[in-house]
Amino acid sequence: IFTQEMVKLLMAIIGITLSTSTKWKDVTSGWSIQSWLRLALLPATIYLVQSTCSLLAYQNLDAVTFNVLNQTKTLSAALCCFLLLGKRQSKLQIVALVVLLLAALVLEGVSPLDFKHYVNYL
């Protein structure tokens, strides 16, 4: 995880350095410890917890289960947006979410049309 974050940081530094329209002074103006704590502490903490949970899941789950769970986070985020924020998805987005769900089921080895499999879980 550390190496991945260092690569992201390096890419951002290279991007800002090579950019002709953005200067370091513009990027860092207005930065302070207080603004960082106010704006970035909560998202950074959530990201840390998520990365730690992903690492633990990767170490303790088989590859297929981990990938299925990883793929369905988009589906759960869309559901949370609808339930918590009342944000409706467009028809195209709903189709994409259904395709994502079907792909996750196929990866898990479950036929989406095999209703006997679902009855066993009830």
PDB file of N, CA and C in Angstrom:
ATOM      1  N   ILE A   1       0.838  -1.188   0.000  1.00  0.00           N
ATOM      2  CA  ILE A   1       0.000   0.000   0.000  1.00  0.00           C
ATOM      3  C   ILE A   1       0.883   1.252   0.000  1.00  0.00           C
ATOM      4  N   PHE A   2       1.952   1.203   0.770  1.00  0.00           N
ATOM      5  CA  PHE A   2       2.837   2.357   0.857  1.00  0.00           C
ATOM      6  C   PHE A   2       3.443   2.680  -0.507  1.00  0.00           C
ATOM      7  N   THR A   3       3.897   1.644  -1.215  1.00  0.00           N
ATOM      8  CA  THR A   3       4.492   1.852  -2.536  1.00  0.00           C
ATOM      9  C   THR A   3       3.475   2.442  -3.503  1.00  0.00           C
ATOM     10  N   GLN A   4       2.259   1.951  -3.447  1.00  0.00           N
ATOM     11  CA  GLN A   4       1.195   2.478  -4.311  1.00  0.00           C
ATOM     12  C   GLN A   4       0.971   3.964  -4.046  1.00  0.00           C
ATOM     13  N   GLU A   5       0.934   4.353  -2.803  1.00  0.00           N
ATOM     14  CA  GLU A   5       0.714   5.761  -2.472  1.00  0.00           C
ATOM     15  C   GLU A   5       1.915   6.624  -2.875  1.00  0.00           C
ATOM     16  N   MET A   6       3.117   6.085  -2.757  1.00  0.00           N
ATOM     17  CA  MET A   6       4.306   6.826  -3.191  1.00  0.00           C
ATOM     18  C   MET A   6       4.308   7.034  -4.703  1.00  0.00           C
ATOM     19  N   VAL A   7       3.864   6.030  -5.444  1.00  0.00           N
ATOM     20  CA  VAL A   7       3.760   6.176  -6.909  1.00  0.00           C
ATOM     21  C   VAL A   7       2.741   7.253  -7.254  1.00  0.00           C
ATOM     22  N   LYS A   8       1.604   7.276  -6.560  1.00  0.00           N
ATOM     23  CA  LYS A   8       0.591   8.324  -6.786  1.00  0.00           C
ATOM     24  C   LYS A   8       1.173   9.703  -6.508  1.00  0.00           C
ATOM     25  N   LEU A   9       1.897   9.829  -5.392  1.00  0.00           N
ATOM     26  CA  LEU A   9       2.510  11.101  -5.041  1.00  0.00           C
ATOM     27  C   LEU A   9       3.520  11.529  -6.103  1.00  0.00           C
ATOM     28  N   LEU A  10       4.348  10.600  -6.539  1.00  0.00           N
ATOM     29  CA  LEU A  10       5.346  10.900  -7.566  1.00  0.00           C
ATOM     30  C   LEU A  10       4.679  11.340  -8.872  1.00  0.00           C
ATOM     31  N   MET A  11       3.609  10.668  -9.251  1.00  0.00           N
ATOM     32  CA  MET A  11       2.885  11.049 -10.472  1.00  0.00           C
ATOM     33  C   MET A  11       2.291  12.453 -10.350  1.00  0.00           C
ATOM     34  N   ALA A  12       1.752  12.778  -9.173  1.00  0.00           N
ATOM     35  CA  ALA A  12       1.196  14.116  -8.967  1.00  0.00           C
ATOM     36  C   ALA A  12       2.291  15.176  -9.034  1.00  0.00           C
ATOM     37  N   ILE A  13       3.427  14.893  -8.408  1.00  0.00           N
ATOM     38  CA  ILE A  13       4.539  15.851  -8.437  1.00  0.00           C
ATOM     39  C   ILE A  13       5.024  16.059  -9.865  1.00  0.00           C
ATOM     40  N   ILE A  14       5.176  14.975 -10.610  1.00  0.00           N
ATOM     41  CA  ILE A  14       5.613  15.089 -12.009  1.00  0.00           C
ATOM     42  C   ILE A  14       4.585  15.858 -12.830  1.00  0.00           C
ATOM     43  N   GLY A  15       3.307  15.574 -12.605  1.00  0.00           N
ATOM     44  CA  GLY A  15       2.253  16.275 -13.341  1.00  0.00           C
ATOM     45  C   GLY A  15       2.257  17.770 -13.088  1.00  0.00           C
ATOM     46  N   ILE A  16       2.414  18.170 -11.832  1.00  0.00           N
ATOM     47  CA  ILE A  16       2.441  19.600 -11.500  1.00  0.00           C
ATOM     48  C   ILE A  16       3.714  20.241 -12.047  1.00  0.00           C
ATOM     49  N   THR A  17       4.827  19.536 -11.938  1.00  0.00           N
ATOM     50  CA  THR A  17       6.103  20.077 -12.409  1.00  0.00           C
ATOM     51  C   THR A  17       6.104  20.273 -13.925  1.00  0.00           C
ATOM     52  N   LEU A  18       5.568  19.326 -14.656  1.00  0.00           N
ATOM     53  CA  LEU A  18       5.582  19.401 -16.116  1.00  0.00           C
ATOM     54  C   LEU A  18       4.474  20.282 -16.687  1.00  0.00           C
ATOM     55  N   SER A  19       3.493  20.625 -15.876  1.00  0.00           N
ATOM     56  CA  SER A  19       2.390  21.449 -16.352  1.00  0.00           C
ATOM     57  C   SER A  19       2.866  22.867 -16.656  1.00  0.00           C
ATOM     58  N   THR A  20       2.449  23.385 -17.785  1.00  0.00           N
ATOM     59  CA  THR A  20       2.832  24.749 -18.147  1.00  0.00           C
ATOM     60  C   THR A  20       1.871  25.776 -17.565  1.00  0.00           C
ATOM     61  N   SER A  21       0.662  25.354 -17.226  1.00  0.00           N
ATOM     62  CA  SER A  21      -0.326  26.310 -16.724  1.00  0.00           C
ATOM     63  C   SER A  21      -0.408  26.359 -15.196  1.00  0.00           C
ATOM     64  N   THR A  22       0.201  25.395 -14.504  1.00  0.00           N
ATOM     65  CA  THR A  22       0.128  25.341 -13.044  1.00  0.00           C
ATOM     66  C   THR A  22       1.517  25.474 -12.445  1.00  0.00           C
ATOM     67  N   LYS A  23       1.632  26.345 -11.451  1.00  0.00           N
ATOM     68  CA  LYS A  23       2.905  26.540 -10.755  1.00  0.00           C
ATOM     69  C   LYS A  23       2.752  26.095  -9.308  1.00  0.00           C
ATOM     70  N   TRP A  24       3.870  25.696  -8.699  1.00  0.00           N
ATOM     71  CA  TRP A  24       3.839  25.234  -7.316  1.00  0.00           C
ATOM     72  C   TRP A  24       3.276  26.287  -6.377  1.00  0.00           C
ATOM     73  N   LYS A  25       3.549  27.537  -6.655  1.00  0.00           N
ATOM     74  CA  LYS A  25       3.033  28.618  -5.805  1.00  0.00           C
ATOM     75  C   LYS A  25       1.507  28.629  -5.819  1.00  0.00           C
ATOM     76  N   ASP A  26       0.912  28.409  -7.005  1.00  0.00           N
ATOM     77  CA  ASP A  26      -0.554  28.374  -7.109  1.00  0.00           C
ATOM     78  C   ASP A  26      -1.134  27.166  -6.369  1.00  0.00           C
ATOM     79  N   VAL A  27      -0.439  26.040  -6.459  1.00  0.00           N
ATOM     80  CA  VAL A  27      -0.934  24.811  -5.848  1.00  0.00           C
ATOM     81  C   VAL A  27      -0.886  24.896  -4.325  1.00  0.00           C
ATOM     82  N   THR A  28       0.180  25.479  -3.792  1.00  0.00           N
ATOM     83  CA  THR A  28       0.358  25.484  -2.340  1.00  0.00           C
ATOM     84  C   THR A  28      -0.156  26.746  -1.650  1.00  0.00           C
ATOM     85  N   SER A  29      -0.653  27.698  -2.394  1.00  0.00           N
ATOM     86  CA  SER A  29      -1.162  28.909  -1.739  1.00  0.00           C
ATOM     87  C   SER A  29      -2.406  28.572  -0.914  1.00  0.00           C
ATOM     88  N   GLY A  30      -2.440  29.072   0.283  1.00  0.00           N
ATOM     89  CA  GLY A  30      -3.586  28.827   1.153  1.00  0.00           C
ATOM     90  C   GLY A  30      -3.478  27.552   1.968  1.00  0.00           C
ATOM     91  N   TRP A  31      -2.399  26.817   1.835  1.00  0.00           N
ATOM     92  CA  TRP A  31      -2.229  25.597   2.633  1.00  0.00           C
ATOM     93  C   TRP A  31      -1.776  25.954   4.035  1.00  0.00           C
ATOM     94  N   SER A  32      -2.364  25.294   5.029  1.00  0.00           N
ATOM     95  CA  SER A  32      -1.926  25.416   6.414  1.00  0.00           C
ATOM     96  C   SER A  32      -2.323  24.134   7.128  1.00  0.00           C
ATOM     97  N   ILE A  33      -1.783  23.948   8.317  1.00  0.00           N
ATOM     98  CA  ILE A  33      -2.131  22.761   9.107  1.00  0.00           C
ATOM     99  C   ILE A  33      -3.617  22.779   9.450  1.00  0.00           C
ATOM    100  N   GLN A  34      -4.135  23.963   9.790  1.00  0.00           N
ATOM    101  CA  GLN A  34      -5.554  24.054  10.141  1.00  0.00           C
ATOM    102  C   GLN A  34      -6.451  23.720   8.956  1.00  0.00           C
ATOM    103  N   SER A  35      -6.105  24.224   7.759  1.00  0.00           N
ATOM    104  CA  SER A  35      -6.942  23.917   6.593  1.00  0.00           C
ATOM    105  C   SER A  35      -6.846  22.436   6.245  1.00  0.00           C
ATOM    106  N   TRP A  36      -5.660  21.841   6.427  1.00  0.00           N
ATOM    107  CA  TRP A  36      -5.518  20.416   6.169  1.00  0.00           C
ATOM    108  C   TRP A  36      -6.377  19.613   7.136  1.00  0.00           C
ATOM    109  N   LEU A  37      -6.316  19.952   8.426  1.00  0.00           N
ATOM    110  CA  LEU A  37      -7.111  19.230   9.418  1.00  0.00           C
ATOM    111  C   LEU A  37      -8.604  19.377   9.151  1.00  0.00           C
ATOM    112  N   ARG A  38      -9.019  20.588   8.768  1.00  0.00           N
ATOM    113  CA  ARG A  38     -10.425  20.852   8.541  1.00  0.00           C
ATOM    114  C   ARG A  38     -10.946  20.143   7.293  1.00  0.00           C
ATOM    115  N   LEU A  39     -10.143  20.099   6.235  1.00  0.00           N
ATOM    116  CA  LEU A  39     -10.631  19.607   4.950  1.00  0.00           C
ATOM    117  C   LEU A  39     -10.228  18.169   4.630  1.00  0.00           C
ATOM    118  N   ALA A  40      -9.068  17.729   5.081  1.00  0.00           N
ATOM    119  CA  ALA A  40      -8.549  16.450   4.606  1.00  0.00           C
ATOM    120  C   ALA A  40      -8.462  15.361   5.669  1.00  0.00           C
ATOM    121  N   LEU A  41      -8.578  15.695   6.924  1.00  0.00           N
ATOM    122  CA  LEU A  41      -8.386  14.688   7.959  1.00  0.00           C
ATOM    123  C   LEU A  41      -9.433  13.579   7.881  1.00  0.00           C
ATOM    124  N   LEU A  42     -10.702  13.914   7.782  1.00  0.00           N
ATOM    125  CA  LEU A  42     -11.752  12.897   7.739  1.00  0.00           C
ATOM    126  C   LEU A  42     -11.633  12.015   6.490  1.00  0.00           C
ATOM    127  N   PRO A  43     -11.533  12.586   5.272  1.00  0.00           N
ATOM    128  CA  PRO A  43     -11.369  11.706   4.103  1.00  0.00           C
ATOM    129  C   PRO A  43     -10.093  10.863   4.165  1.00  0.00           C
ATOM    130  N   ALA A  44      -9.012  11.431   4.675  1.00  0.00           N
ATOM    131  CA  ALA A  44      -7.763  10.672   4.770  1.00  0.00           C
ATOM    132  C   ALA A  44      -7.897   9.513   5.759  1.00  0.00           C
ATOM    133  N   THR A  45      -8.590   9.744   6.859  1.00  0.00           N
ATOM    134  CA  THR A  45      -8.803   8.690   7.848  1.00  0.00           C
ATOM    135  C   THR A  45      -9.684   7.582   7.280  1.00  0.00           C
ATOM    136  N   ILE A  46     -10.737   7.960   6.576  1.00  0.00           N
ATOM    137  CA  ILE A  46     -11.612   6.964   5.941  1.00  0.00           C
ATOM    138  C   ILE A  46     -10.828   6.151   4.915  1.00  0.00           C
ATOM    139  N   TYR A  47      -9.992   6.821   4.132  1.00  0.00           N
ATOM    140  CA  TYR A  47      -9.167   6.134   3.143  1.00  0.00           C
ATOM    141  C   TYR A  47      -8.193   5.169   3.819  1.00  0.00           C
ATOM    142  N   LEU A  48      -7.614   5.573   4.941  1.00  0.00           N
ATOM    143  CA  LEU A  48      -6.708   4.711   5.688  1.00  0.00           C
ATOM    144  C   LEU A  48      -7.424   3.455   6.180  1.00  0.00           C
ATOM    145  N   VAL A  49      -8.602   3.630   6.738  1.00  0.00           N
ATOM    146  CA  VAL A  49      -9.370   2.483   7.235  1.00  0.00           C
ATOM    147  C   VAL A  49      -9.743   1.566   6.074  1.00  0.00           C
ATOM    148  N   GLN A  50     -10.188   2.145   4.953  1.00  0.00           N
ATOM    149  CA  GLN A  50     -10.562   1.340   3.795  1.00  0.00           C
ATOM    150  C   GLN A  50      -9.368   0.561   3.255  1.00  0.00           C
ATOM    151  N   SER A  51      -8.210   1.193   3.173  1.00  0.00           N
ATOM    152  CA  SER A  51      -7.015   0.509   2.680  1.00  0.00           C
ATOM    153  C   SER A  51      -6.596  -0.621   3.613  1.00  0.00           C
ATOM    154  N   THR A  52      -6.694  -0.387   4.902  1.00  0.00           N
ATOM    155  CA  THR A  52      -6.353  -1.425   5.873  1.00  0.00           C
ATOM    156  C   THR A  52      -7.313  -2.601   5.777  1.00  0.00           C
ATOM    157  N   CYS A  53      -8.603  -2.308   5.646  1.00  0.00           N
ATOM    158  CA  CYS A  53      -9.593  -3.379   5.487  1.00  0.00           C
ATOM    159  C   CYS A  53      -9.377  -4.150   4.186  1.00  0.00           C
ATOM    160  N   SER A  54      -9.035  -3.439   3.121  1.00  0.00           N
ATOM    161  CA  SER A  54      -8.752  -4.110   1.846  1.00  0.00           C
ATOM    162  C   SER A  54      -7.553  -5.032   1.974  1.00  0.00           C
ATOM    163  N   LEU A  55      -6.523  -4.581   2.649  1.00  0.00           N
ATOM    164  CA  LEU A  55      -5.335  -5.410   2.846  1.00  0.00           C
ATOM    165  C   LEU A  55      -5.666  -6.654   3.660  1.00  0.00           C
ATOM    166  N   LEU A  56      -6.438  -6.496   4.724  1.00  0.00           N
ATOM    167  CA  LEU A  56      -6.831  -7.647   5.538  1.00  0.00           C
ATOM    168  C   LEU A  56      -7.701  -8.616   4.742  1.00  0.00           C
ATOM    169  N   ALA A  57      -8.618  -8.071   3.937  1.00  0.00           N
ATOM    170  CA  ALA A  57      -9.468  -8.929   3.103  1.00  0.00           C
ATOM    171  C   ALA A  57      -8.637  -9.666   2.072  1.00  0.00           C
ATOM    172  N   TYR A  58      -7.692  -8.974   1.472  1.00  0.00           N
ATOM    173  CA  TYR A  58      -6.819  -9.590   0.468  1.00  0.00           C
ATOM    174  C   TYR A  58      -6.018 -10.746   1.074  1.00  0.00           C
ATOM    175  N   GLN A  59      -5.596 -10.590   2.309  1.00  0.00           N
ATOM    176  CA  GLN A  59      -4.800 -11.622   2.963  1.00  0.00           C
ATOM    177  C   GLN A  59      -5.636 -12.803   3.439  1.00  0.00           C
ATOM    178  N   ASN A  60      -6.932 -12.589   3.715  1.00  0.00           N
ATOM    179  CA  ASN A  60      -7.736 -13.629   4.337  1.00  0.00           C
ATOM    180  C   ASN A  60      -8.819 -14.236   3.449  1.00  0.00           C
ATOM    181  N   LEU A  61      -9.073 -13.674   2.281  1.00  0.00           N
ATOM    182  CA  LEU A  61     -10.102 -14.210   1.389  1.00  0.00           C
ATOM    183  C   LEU A  61      -9.460 -14.823   0.162  1.00  0.00           C
ATOM    184  N   ASP A  62     -10.184 -15.772  -0.447  1.00  0.00           N
ATOM    185  CA  ASP A  62      -9.671 -16.294  -1.708  1.00  0.00           C
ATOM    186  C   ASP A  62      -9.837 -15.219  -2.784  1.00  0.00           C
ATOM    187  N   ALA A  63      -9.110 -15.369  -3.878  1.00  0.00           N
ATOM    188  CA  ALA A  63      -9.020 -14.326  -4.903  1.00  0.00           C
ATOM    189  C   ALA A  63     -10.374 -13.983  -5.506  1.00  0.00           C
ATOM    190  N   VAL A  64     -11.193 -14.978  -5.791  1.00  0.00           N
ATOM    191  CA  VAL A  64     -12.486 -14.720  -6.439  1.00  0.00           C
ATOM    192  C   VAL A  64     -13.399 -13.925  -5.521  1.00  0.00           C
ATOM    193  N   THR A  65     -13.481 -14.324  -4.266  1.00  0.00           N
ATOM    194  CA  THR A  65     -14.350 -13.616  -3.316  1.00  0.00           C
ATOM    195  C   THR A  65     -13.891 -12.180  -3.130  1.00  0.00           C
ATOM    196  N   PHE A  66     -12.588 -11.979  -3.006  1.00  0.00           N
ATOM    197  CA  PHE A  66     -12.070 -10.621  -2.854  1.00  0.00           C
ATOM    198  C   PHE A  66     -12.426  -9.765  -4.069  1.00  0.00           C
ATOM    199  N   ASN A  67     -12.229 -10.295  -5.266  1.00  0.00           N
ATOM    200  CA  ASN A  67     -12.535  -9.524  -6.473  1.00  0.00           C
ATOM    201  C   ASN A  67     -14.021  -9.222  -6.605  1.00  0.00           C
ATOM    202  N   VAL A  68     -14.870 -10.181  -6.253  1.00  0.00           N
ATOM    203  CA  VAL A  68     -16.316  -9.938  -6.317  1.00  0.00           C
ATOM    204  C   VAL A  68     -16.708  -8.833  -5.343  1.00  0.00           C
ATOM    205  N   LEU A  69     -16.213  -8.911  -4.120  1.00  0.00           N
ATOM    206  CA  LEU A  69     -16.520  -7.867  -3.141  1.00  0.00           C
ATOM    207  C   LEU A  69     -15.979  -6.513  -3.592  1.00  0.00           C
ATOM    208  N   ASN A  70     -14.803  -6.515  -4.178  1.00  0.00           N
ATOM    209  CA  ASN A  70     -14.200  -5.282  -4.659  1.00  0.00           C
ATOM    210  C   ASN A  70     -15.015  -4.683  -5.803  1.00  0.00           C
ATOM    211  N   GLN A  71     -15.558  -5.529  -6.671  1.00  0.00           N
ATOM    212  CA  GLN A  71     -16.353  -5.040  -7.799  1.00  0.00           C
ATOM    213  C   GLN A  71     -17.722  -4.528  -7.357  1.00  0.00           C
ATOM    214  N   THR A  72     -18.264  -5.080  -6.298  1.00  0.00           N
ATOM    215  CA  THR A  72     -19.606  -4.679  -5.881  1.00  0.00           C
ATOM    216  C   THR A  72     -19.617  -3.412  -5.022  1.00  0.00           C
ATOM    217  N   LYS A  73     -18.463  -2.838  -4.732  1.00  0.00           N
ATOM    218  CA  LYS A  73     -18.477  -1.603  -3.942  1.00  0.00           C
ATOM    219  C   LYS A  73     -19.113  -0.453  -4.717  1.00  0.00           C
ATOM    220  N   THR A  74     -19.017  -0.471  -6.043  1.00  0.00           N
ATOM    221  CA  THR A  74     -19.694   0.546  -6.849  1.00  0.00           C
ATOM    222  C   THR A  74     -21.203   0.410  -6.703  1.00  0.00           C
ATOM    223  N   LEU A  75     -21.668  -0.824  -6.715  1.00  0.00           N
ATOM    224  CA  LEU A  75     -23.096  -1.082  -6.550  1.00  0.00           C
ATOM    225  C   LEU A  75     -23.585  -0.621  -5.176  1.00  0.00           C
ATOM    226  N   SER A  76     -22.819  -0.929  -4.143  1.00  0.00           N
ATOM    227  CA  SER A  76     -23.234  -0.516  -2.799  1.00  0.00           C
ATOM    228  C   SER A  76     -23.155   0.999  -2.633  1.00  0.00           C
ATOM    229  N   ALA A  77     -22.191   1.654  -3.289  1.00  0.00           N
ATOM    230  CA  ALA A  77     -22.109   3.118  -3.213  1.00  0.00           C
ATOM    231  C   ALA A  77     -23.322   3.757  -3.880  1.00  0.00           C
ATOM    232  N   ALA A  78     -23.743   3.195  -5.018  1.00  0.00           N
ATOM    233  CA  ALA A  78     -24.935   3.718  -5.698  1.00  0.00           C
ATOM    234  C   ALA A  78     -26.183   3.522  -4.837  1.00  0.00           C
ATOM    235  N   LEU A  79     -26.272   2.379  -4.177  1.00  0.00           N
ATOM    236  CA  LEU A  79     -27.415   2.115  -3.304  1.00  0.00           C
ATOM    237  C   LEU A  79     -27.417   3.073  -2.114  1.00  0.00           C
ATOM    238  N   CYS A  80     -26.259   3.329  -1.531  1.00  0.00           N
ATOM    239  CA  CYS A  80     -26.172   4.274  -0.408  1.00  0.00           C
ATOM    240  C   CYS A  80     -26.534   5.691  -0.854  1.00  0.00           C
ATOM    241  N   CYS A  81     -26.097   6.081  -2.046  1.00  0.00           N
ATOM    242  CA  CYS A  81     -26.459   7.406  -2.567  1.00  0.00           C
ATOM    243  C   CYS A  81     -27.966   7.538  -2.700  1.00  0.00           C
ATOM    244  N   PHE A  82     -28.603   6.460  -3.142  1.00  0.00           N
ATOM    245  CA  PHE A  82     -30.056   6.499  -3.285  1.00  0.00           C
ATOM    246  C   PHE A  82     -30.738   6.525  -1.921  1.00  0.00           C
ATOM    247  N   LEU A  83     -30.323   5.653  -1.006  1.00  0.00           N
ATOM    248  CA  LEU A  83     -30.996   5.545   0.290  1.00  0.00           C
ATOM    249  C   LEU A  83     -30.716   6.742   1.202  1.00  0.00           C
ATOM    250  N   LEU A  84     -29.472   7.208   1.223  1.00  0.00           N
ATOM    251  CA  LEU A  84     -29.109   8.282   2.155  1.00  0.00           C
ATOM    252  C   LEU A  84     -29.323   9.677   1.581  1.00  0.00           C
ATOM    253  N   LEU A  85     -29.039   9.833   0.287  1.00  0.00           N
ATOM    254  CA  LEU A  85     -29.110  11.160  -0.314  1.00  0.00           C
ATOM    255  C   LEU A  85     -30.324  11.361  -1.220  1.00  0.00           C
ATOM    256  N   GLY A  86     -31.015  10.261  -1.524  1.00  0.00           N
ATOM    257  CA  GLY A  86     -32.167  10.363  -2.407  1.00  0.00           C
ATOM    258  C   GLY A  86     -31.795  10.620  -3.858  1.00  0.00           C
ATOM    259  N   LYS A  87     -30.553  10.348  -4.239  1.00  0.00           N
ATOM    260  CA  LYS A  87     -30.093  10.592  -5.610  1.00  0.00           C
ATOM    261  C   LYS A  87     -30.465   9.411  -6.480  1.00  0.00           C
ATOM    262  N   ARG A  88     -31.287   9.663  -7.481  1.00  0.00           N
ATOM    263  CA  ARG A  88     -31.704   8.610  -8.405  1.00  0.00           C
ATOM    264  C   ARG A  88     -30.688   8.462  -9.526  1.00  0.00           C
ATOM    265  N   GLN A  89     -30.556   7.237 -10.004  1.00  0.00           N
ATOM    266  CA  GLN A  89     -29.650   6.946 -11.110  1.00  0.00           C
ATOM    267  C   GLN A  89     -30.411   7.060 -12.428  1.00  0.00           C
ATOM    268  N   SER A  90     -29.678   7.387 -13.491  1.00  0.00           N
ATOM    269  CA  SER A  90     -30.295   7.426 -14.824  1.00  0.00           C
ATOM    270  C   SER A  90     -30.510   5.989 -15.297  1.00  0.00           C
ATOM    271  N   LYS A  91     -31.273   5.823 -16.362  1.00  0.00           N
ATOM    272  CA  LYS A  91     -31.533   4.484 -16.896  1.00  0.00           C
ATOM    273  C   LYS A  91     -30.227   3.819 -17.328  1.00  0.00           C
ATOM    274  N   LEU A  92     -29.349   4.578 -17.949  1.00  0.00           N
ATOM    275  CA  LEU A  92     -28.069   4.031 -18.384  1.00  0.00           C
ATOM    276  C   LEU A  92     -27.224   3.592 -17.186  1.00  0.00           C
ATOM    277  N   GLN A  93     -27.245   4.372 -16.120  1.00  0.00           N
ATOM    278  CA  GLN A  93     -26.492   4.000 -14.924  1.00  0.00           C
ATOM    279  C   GLN A  93     -27.070   2.740 -14.279  1.00  0.00           C
ATOM    280  N   ILE A  94     -28.377   2.613 -14.283  1.00  0.00           N
ATOM    281  CA  ILE A  94     -29.012   1.417 -13.720  1.00  0.00           C
ATOM    282  C   ILE A  94     -28.631   0.187 -14.532  1.00  0.00           C
ATOM    283  N   VAL A  95     -28.627   0.319 -15.860  1.00  0.00           N
ATOM    284  CA  VAL A  95     -28.209  -0.798 -16.714  1.00  0.00           C
ATOM    285  C   VAL A  95     -26.762  -1.176 -16.407  1.00  0.00           C
ATOM    286  N   ALA A  96     -25.896  -0.180 -16.259  1.00  0.00           N
ATOM    287  CA  ALA A  96     -24.496  -0.454 -15.946  1.00  0.00           C
ATOM    288  C   ALA A  96     -24.360  -1.149 -14.596  1.00  0.00           C
ATOM    289  N   LEU A  97     -25.141  -0.746 -13.613  1.00  0.00           N
ATOM    290  CA  LEU A  97     -25.085  -1.389 -12.298  1.00  0.00           C
ATOM    291  C   LEU A  97     -25.579  -2.831 -12.354  1.00  0.00           C
ATOM    292  N   VAL A  98     -26.611  -3.087 -13.144  1.00  0.00           N
ATOM    293  CA  VAL A  98     -27.115  -4.460 -13.299  1.00  0.00           C
ATOM    294  C   VAL A  98     -26.059  -5.321 -13.987  1.00  0.00           C
ATOM    295  N   VAL A  99     -25.411  -4.775 -15.018  1.00  0.00           N
ATOM    296  CA  VAL A  99     -24.342  -5.523 -15.703  1.00  0.00           C
ATOM    297  C   VAL A  99     -23.207  -5.808 -14.722  1.00  0.00           C
ATOM    298  N   LEU A 100     -22.862  -4.859 -13.877  1.00  0.00           N
ATOM    299  CA  LEU A 100     -21.832  -5.065 -12.868  1.00  0.00           C
ATOM    300  C   LEU A 100     -22.221  -6.170 -11.896  1.00  0.00           C
ATOM    301  N   LEU A 101     -23.471  -6.171 -11.458  1.00  0.00           N
ATOM    302  CA  LEU A 101     -23.954  -7.210 -10.554  1.00  0.00           C
ATOM    303  C   LEU A 101     -23.893  -8.575 -11.227  1.00  0.00           C
ATOM    304  N   LEU A 102     -24.334  -8.660 -12.474  1.00  0.00           N
ATOM    305  CA  LEU A 102     -24.299  -9.929 -13.206  1.00  0.00           C
ATOM    306  C   LEU A 102     -22.857 -10.416 -13.376  1.00  0.00           C
ATOM    307  N   ALA A 103     -21.950  -9.506 -13.679  1.00  0.00           N
ATOM    308  CA  ALA A 103     -20.540  -9.888 -13.825  1.00  0.00           C
ATOM    309  C   ALA A 103     -19.983 -10.425 -12.509  1.00  0.00           C
ATOM    310  N   ALA A 104     -20.354  -9.786 -11.395  1.00  0.00           N
ATOM    311  CA  ALA A 104     -19.891 -10.264 -10.089  1.00  0.00           C
ATOM    312  C   ALA A 104     -20.442 -11.654  -9.797  1.00  0.00           C
ATOM    313  N   LEU A 105     -21.704 -11.890 -10.149  1.00  0.00           N
ATOM    314  CA  LEU A 105     -22.297 -13.213  -9.933  1.00  0.00           C
ATOM    315  C   LEU A 105     -21.636 -14.266 -10.808  1.00  0.00           C
ATOM    316  N   VAL A 106     -21.342 -13.918 -12.052  1.00  0.00           N
ATOM    317  CA  VAL A 106     -20.677 -14.860 -12.950  1.00  0.00           C
ATOM    318  C   VAL A 106     -19.281 -15.188 -12.431  1.00  0.00           C
ATOM    319  N   LEU A 107     -18.557 -14.185 -11.945  1.00  0.00           N
ATOM    320  CA  LEU A 107     -17.229 -14.426 -11.371  1.00  0.00           C
ATOM    321  C   LEU A 107     -17.295 -15.371 -10.177  1.00  0.00           C
ATOM    322  N   GLU A 108     -18.351 -15.246  -9.407  1.00  0.00           N
ATOM    323  CA  GLU A 108     -18.506 -16.088  -8.225  1.00  0.00           C
ATOM    324  C   GLU A 108     -18.957 -17.495  -8.606  1.00  0.00           C
ATOM    325  N   GLY A 109     -19.334 -17.685  -9.868  1.00  0.00           N
ATOM    326  CA  GLY A 109     -19.759 -19.010 -10.322  1.00  0.00           C
ATOM    327  C   GLY A 109     -21.228 -19.259 -10.106  1.00  0.00           C
ATOM    328  N   VAL A 110     -21.998 -18.202  -9.926  1.00  0.00           N
ATOM    329  CA  VAL A 110     -23.436 -18.316  -9.718  1.00  0.00           C
ATOM    330  C   VAL A 110     -24.130 -17.881 -10.995  1.00  0.00           C
ATOM    331  N   SER A 111     -25.008 -18.709 -11.488  1.00  0.00           N
ATOM    332  CA  SER A 111     -25.791 -18.317 -12.657  1.00  0.00           C
ATOM    333  C   SER A 111     -26.886 -17.362 -12.196  1.00  0.00           C
ATOM    334  N   PRO A 112     -26.970 -16.164 -12.790  1.00  0.00           N
ATOM    335  CA  PRO A 112     -27.989 -15.208 -12.352  1.00  0.00           C
ATOM    336  C   PRO A 112     -29.419 -15.718 -12.538  1.00  0.00           C
ATOM    337  N   LEU A 113     -29.618 -16.727 -13.387  1.00  0.00           N
ATOM    338  CA  LEU A 113     -30.963 -17.249 -13.631  1.00  0.00           C
ATOM    339  C   LEU A 113     -31.242 -18.533 -12.854  1.00  0.00           C
ATOM    340  N   ASP A 114     -30.295 -18.992 -12.043  1.00  0.00           N
ATOM    341  CA  ASP A 114     -30.454 -20.209 -11.264  1.00  0.00           C
ATOM    342  C   ASP A 114     -31.102 -19.864  -9.927  1.00  0.00           C
ATOM    343  N   PHE A 115     -32.446 -19.897  -9.912  1.00  0.00           N
ATOM    344  CA  PHE A 115     -33.166 -19.484  -8.714  1.00  0.00           C
ATOM    345  C   PHE A 115     -33.019 -20.487  -7.570  1.00  0.00           C
ATOM    346  N   LYS A 116     -32.689 -21.752  -7.890  1.00  0.00           N
ATOM    347  CA  LYS A 116     -32.499 -22.750  -6.835  1.00  0.00           C
ATOM    348  C   LYS A 116     -31.336 -22.355  -5.927  1.00  0.00           C
ATOM    349  N   HIS A 117     -30.329 -21.736  -6.512  1.00  0.00           N
ATOM    350  CA  HIS A 117     -29.163 -21.308  -5.714  1.00  0.00           C
ATOM    351  C   HIS A 117     -29.585 -20.268  -4.672  1.00  0.00           C
ATOM    352  N   TYR A 118     -30.470 -19.354  -5.046  1.00  0.00           N
ATOM    353  CA  TYR A 118     -30.901 -18.313  -4.125  1.00  0.00           C
ATOM    354  C   TYR A 118     -31.821 -18.854  -3.035  1.00  0.00           C
ATOM    355  N   VAL A 119     -32.607 -19.864  -3.377  1.00  0.00           N
ATOM    356  CA  VAL A 119     -33.527 -20.459  -2.398  1.00  0.00           C
ATOM    357  C   VAL A 119     -32.728 -21.100  -1.277  1.00  0.00           C
ATOM    358  N   ASN A 120     -31.558 -21.656  -1.588  1.00  0.00           N
ATOM    359  CA  ASN A 120     -30.744 -22.304  -0.550  1.00  0.00           C
ATOM    360  C   ASN A 120     -30.289 -21.322   0.517  1.00  0.00           C
ATOM    361  N   TYR A 121     -30.183 -20.029   0.165  1.00  0.00           N
ATOM    362  CA  TYR A 121     -29.741 -19.024   1.121  1.00  0.00           C
ATOM    363  C   TYR A 121     -30.875 -18.450   1.960  1.00  0.00           C
ATOM    364  N   LEU A 122     -32.103 -18.738   1.602  1.00  0.00           N
ATOM    365  CA  LEU A 122     -33.239 -18.173   2.342  1.00  0.00           C
ATOM    366  C   LEU A 122     -33.592 -18.958   3.558  1.00  0.00           C
TER     367      LEU A 122
END
